[in-house]
C-alpha atoms as a PDB file:
ATOM      1  CA  MET A   1    -170.708 -34.026  22.877  1.00  0.00           C
ATOM      2  CA  SER A   2    -173.012 -31.442  24.424  1.00  0.00           C
ATOM      3  CA  THR A   3    -176.195 -30.376  22.678  1.00  0.00           C
ATOM      4  CA  SER A   4    -174.845 -26.855  22.124  1.00  0.00           C
ATOM      5  CA  ASN A   5    -171.638 -28.245  20.582  1.00  0.00           C
ATOM      6  CA  LEU A   6    -173.721 -30.523  18.379  1.00  0.00           C
ATOM      7  CA  LEU A   7    -175.750 -27.547  17.158  1.00  0.00           C
ATOM      8  CA  LYS A   8    -172.528 -25.625  16.451  1.00  0.00           C
ATOM      9  CA  GLU A   9    -171.105 -28.576  14.517  1.00  0.00           C
ATOM     10  CA  CYS A  10    -174.274 -28.820  12.448  1.00  0.00           C
ATOM     11  CA  GLU A  11    -174.118 -25.106  11.707  1.00  0.00           C
ATOM     12  CA  THR A  12    -170.435 -25.335  10.762  1.00  0.00           C
ATOM     13  CA  ASN A  13    -171.244 -28.161   8.335  1.00  0.00           C
ATOM     14  CA  ASN A  14    -174.294 -26.337   6.881  1.00  0.00           C
ATOM     15  CA  ILE A  15    -176.639 -28.965   8.291  1.00  0.00           C
ATOM     16  CA  MET A  16    -180.073 -27.468   8.861  1.00  0.00           C
ATOM     17  CA  LEU A  17    -182.181 -28.868  11.682  1.00  0.00           C
ATOM     18  CA  TRP A  18    -185.857 -28.148  12.276  1.00  0.00           C
ATOM     19  CA  VAL A  19    -188.874 -29.566  14.034  1.00  0.00           C
ATOM     20  CA  VAL A  20    -192.294 -30.250  12.533  1.00  0.00           C
ATOM     21  CA  ASN A  21    -195.013 -31.861  14.650  1.00  0.00           C
ATOM     22  CA  ASP A  22    -192.477 -32.767  17.343  1.00  0.00           C
ATOM     23  CA  ARG A  23    -190.281 -34.613  14.844  1.00  0.00           C
ATOM     24  CA  LEU A  24    -186.674 -33.677  14.168  1.00  0.00           C
ATOM     25  CA  HIS A  25    -185.770 -33.145  10.501  1.00  0.00           C
ATOM     26  CA  TYR A  26    -182.501 -32.251   8.825  1.00  0.00           C
ATOM     27  CA  ARG A  27    -181.061 -31.287   5.473  1.00  0.00           C
ATOM     28  CA  ALA A  28    -177.347 -31.851   4.998  1.00  0.00           C
ATOM     29  CA  PRO A  29    -174.924 -31.289   2.144  1.00  0.00           C
ATOM     30  CA  LYS A  30    -173.831 -34.548   0.589  1.00  0.00           C
ATOM     31  CA  GLY A  31    -171.175 -36.269   2.687  1.00  0.00           C
ATOM     32  CA  SER A  32    -171.522 -34.009   5.727  1.00  0.00           C
ATOM     33  CA  MET A  33    -173.775 -36.310   7.769  1.00  0.00           C
ATOM     34  CA  THR A  34    -171.378 -38.841   9.279  1.00  0.00           C
ATOM     35  CA  ASP A  35    -172.429 -41.916  11.240  1.00  0.00           C
ATOM     36  CA  VAL A  36    -171.018 -40.307  14.398  1.00  0.00           C
ATOM     37  CA  LEU A  37    -173.060 -37.166  13.809  1.00  0.00           C
ATOM     38  CA  LYS A  38    -176.213 -39.209  13.142  1.00  0.00           C
ATOM     39  CA  LYS A  39    -175.665 -41.061  16.417  1.00  0.00           C
ATOM     40  CA  GLN A  40    -175.214 -37.765  18.270  1.00  0.00           C
ATOM     41  CA  LEU A  41    -178.428 -36.382  16.755  1.00  0.00           C
ATOM     42  CA  LYS A  42    -180.286 -39.490  17.883  1.00  0.00           C
ATOM     43  CA  THR A  43    -178.760 -39.313  21.377  1.00  0.00           C
ATOM     44  CA  HIS A  44    -179.665 -35.632  21.802  1.00  0.00           C
ATOM     45  CA  LYS A  45    -182.957 -35.770  19.909  1.00  0.00           C
ATOM     46  CA  PRO A  46    -185.263 -34.811  22.849  1.00  0.00           C
ATOM     47  CA  GLU A  47    -183.081 -31.819  23.773  1.00  0.00           C
ATOM     48  CA  LEU A  48    -182.786 -30.740  20.139  1.00  0.00           C
ATOM     49  CA  ILE A  49    -186.540 -30.890  19.668  1.00  0.00           C
ATOM     50  CA  GLN A  50    -187.033 -28.798  22.780  1.00  0.00           C
ATOM     51  CA  ILE A  51    -184.431 -26.217  21.752  1.00  0.00           C
ATOM     52  CA  LEU A  52    -185.576 -26.003  18.141  1.00  0.00           C
ATOM     53  CA  SER A  53    -189.228 -25.750  19.151  1.00  0.00           C
ATOM     54  CA  ALA A  54    -188.472 -22.673  21.245  1.00  0.00           C
ATOM     55  CA  GLU A  55    -188.289 -19.160  19.820  1.00  0.00           C
ATOM     56  CA  LEU A  56    -186.450 -19.013  16.527  1.00  0.00           C
ATOM     57  CA  PRO A  57    -183.081 -17.315  16.107  1.00  0.00           C
ATOM     58  CA  VAL A  58    -183.114 -14.027  14.215  1.00  0.00           C
ATOM     59  CA  ASN A  59    -181.469 -15.464  11.085  1.00  0.00           C
ATOM     60  CA  TYR A  60    -183.420 -18.770  11.021  1.00  0.00           C
ATOM     61  CA  TYR A  61    -185.472 -17.947   7.929  1.00  0.00           C
ATOM     62  CA  ASP A  62    -182.644 -16.282   6.020  1.00  0.00           C
ATOM     63  CA  LYS A  63    -180.376 -19.296   6.516  1.00  0.00           C
ATOM     64  CA  HIS A  64    -182.967 -21.692   5.071  1.00  0.00           C
ATOM     65  CA  VAL A  65    -183.600 -19.549   2.014  1.00  0.00           C
ATOM     66  CA  GLU A  66    -179.883 -18.855   1.490  1.00  0.00           C
ATOM     67  CA  ALA A  67    -179.113 -22.597   1.680  1.00  0.00           C
ATOM     68  CA  ALA A  68    -181.787 -23.358  -0.928  1.00  0.00           C
ATOM     69  CA  ILE A  69    -180.519 -20.605  -3.228  1.00  0.00           C
ATOM     70  CA  ALA A  70    -176.922 -21.821  -2.831  1.00  0.00           C
ATOM     71  CA  GLU A  71    -178.052 -25.319  -3.789  1.00  0.00           C
ATOM     72  CA  PHE A  72    -179.821 -24.017  -6.909  1.00  0.00           C
ATOM     73  CA  ASN A  73    -176.806 -21.893  -7.843  1.00  0.00           C
ATOM     74  CA  SER A  74    -174.475 -24.877  -7.481  1.00  0.00           C
ATOM     75  CA  ARG A  75    -176.731 -26.806  -9.860  1.00  0.00           C
ATOM     76  CA  GLY A  76    -176.892 -23.881 -12.314  1.00  0.00           C
ATOM     77  CA  ILE A  77    -180.611 -23.312 -11.772  1.00  0.00           C
ATOM     78  CA  SER A  78    -182.068 -19.814 -12.107  1.00  0.00           C
ATOM     79  CA  ILE A  79    -185.627 -18.619 -11.614  1.00  0.00           C
ATOM     80  CA  MET A  80    -185.368 -17.033 -15.062  1.00  0.00           C
ATOM     81  CA  ASP A  81    -184.943 -20.528 -16.551  1.00  0.00           C
ATOM     82  CA  LEU A  82    -188.376 -21.518 -15.274  1.00  0.00           C
ATOM     83  CA  PRO A  83    -191.551 -21.341 -17.354  1.00  0.00           C
ATOM     84  CA  GLU A  84    -193.684 -18.262 -16.632  1.00  0.00           C
ATOM     85  CA  ILE A  85    -196.234 -20.233 -14.588  1.00  0.00           C
ATOM     86  CA  LYS A  86    -193.524 -21.608 -12.275  1.00  0.00           C
ATOM     87  CA  ARG A  87    -191.893 -18.165 -11.924  1.00  0.00           C
ATOM     88  CA  THR A  88    -195.262 -16.741 -10.901  1.00  0.00           C
ATOM     89  CA  ARG A  89    -195.794 -19.577  -8.393  1.00  0.00           C
ATOM     90  CA  ALA A  90    -192.267 -19.167  -6.984  1.00  0.00           C
ATOM     91  CA  SER A  91    -192.863 -15.428  -6.573  1.00  0.00           C
ATOM     92  CA  LYS A  92    -196.157 -16.038  -4.732  1.00  0.00           C
ATOM     93  CA  LEU A  93    -194.494 -18.597  -2.459  1.00  0.00           C
ATOM     94  CA  ASN A  94    -191.667 -16.151  -1.775  1.00  0.00           C
ATOM     95  CA  GLN A  95    -194.287 -13.673  -0.526  1.00  0.00           C
ATOM     96  CA  GLU A  96    -195.810 -16.401   1.659  1.00  0.00           C
ATOM     97  CA  MET A  97    -192.372 -17.221   3.111  1.00  0.00           C
ATOM     98  CA  THR A  98    -191.764 -13.542   3.876  1.00  0.00           C
ATOM     99  CA  GLU A  99    -195.144 -13.188   5.564  1.00  0.00           C
ATOM    100  CA  ALA A 100    -194.611 -16.361   7.606  1.00  0.00           C
ATOM    101  CA  ALA A 101    -191.139 -15.181   8.632  1.00  0.00           C
ATOM    102  CA  ASN A 102    -192.513 -11.789   9.670  1.00  0.00           C
ATOM    103  CA  ASN A 103    -195.140 -13.588  11.774  1.00  0.00           C
ATOM    104  CA  ASN A 104    -192.550 -16.018  13.181  1.00  0.00           C
ATOM    105  CA  ASP A 105    -194.691 -18.883  11.846  1.00  0.00           C
ATOM    106  CA  ARG A 106    -192.181 -21.687  11.367  1.00  0.00           C
ATOM    107  CA  LYS A 107    -194.742 -24.232  10.137  1.00  0.00           C
ATOM    108  CA  ALA A 108    -196.118 -21.950   7.396  1.00  0.00           C
ATOM    109  CA  PHE A 109    -192.602 -20.876   6.433  1.00  0.00           C
ATOM    110  CA  LEU A 110    -191.318 -24.439   6.042  1.00  0.00           C
ATOM    111  CA  LYS A 111    -194.425 -25.425   4.062  1.00  0.00           C
ATOM    112  CA  ALA A 112    -193.968 -22.497   1.663  1.00  0.00           C
ATOM    113  CA  LEU A 113    -190.217 -23.199   1.453  1.00  0.00           C
ATOM    114  CA  ARG A 114    -190.839 -26.843   0.493  1.00  0.00           C
ATOM    115  CA  GLU A 115    -193.311 -25.780  -2.200  1.00  0.00           C
ATOM    116  CA  TRP A 116    -190.956 -23.017  -3.391  1.00  0.00           C
ATOM    117  CA  ARG A 117    -188.103 -25.530  -3.736  1.00  0.00           C
ATOM    118  CA  GLN A 118    -190.371 -27.788  -5.812  1.00  0.00           C
ATOM    119  CA  CYS A 119    -190.768 -25.018  -8.369  1.00  0.00           C
ATOM    120  CA  PHE A 120    -187.109 -25.557  -9.261  1.00  0.00           C
ATOM    121  CA  HIS A 121    -187.315 -29.304  -9.901  1.00  0.00           C
END
């Protein structure tokens, strides 16, 4: 499988790939990460890191946030269900994510996204 086909398959299966400190990370819906796909990711890891470390696609940030929101919705979680302090924190982190996205700062965006997701747990 070519690297571009692998990326398309990941996108089709809602598998998010990203790089932090030259390490490949992924988030996959339950059951979507097959052994074959894991092997392909390992085989193409250097190319994937290079591609994902390059300039980000236009919808990169939106896709990450939309995937997180879809996960929360599927679990019946709403920001309105959170205590006031967590809602305030989530709102602040949302602003940080927006600012990082506007500055094309992947590292800051992913950090804020991780913290934002924690508000819902």
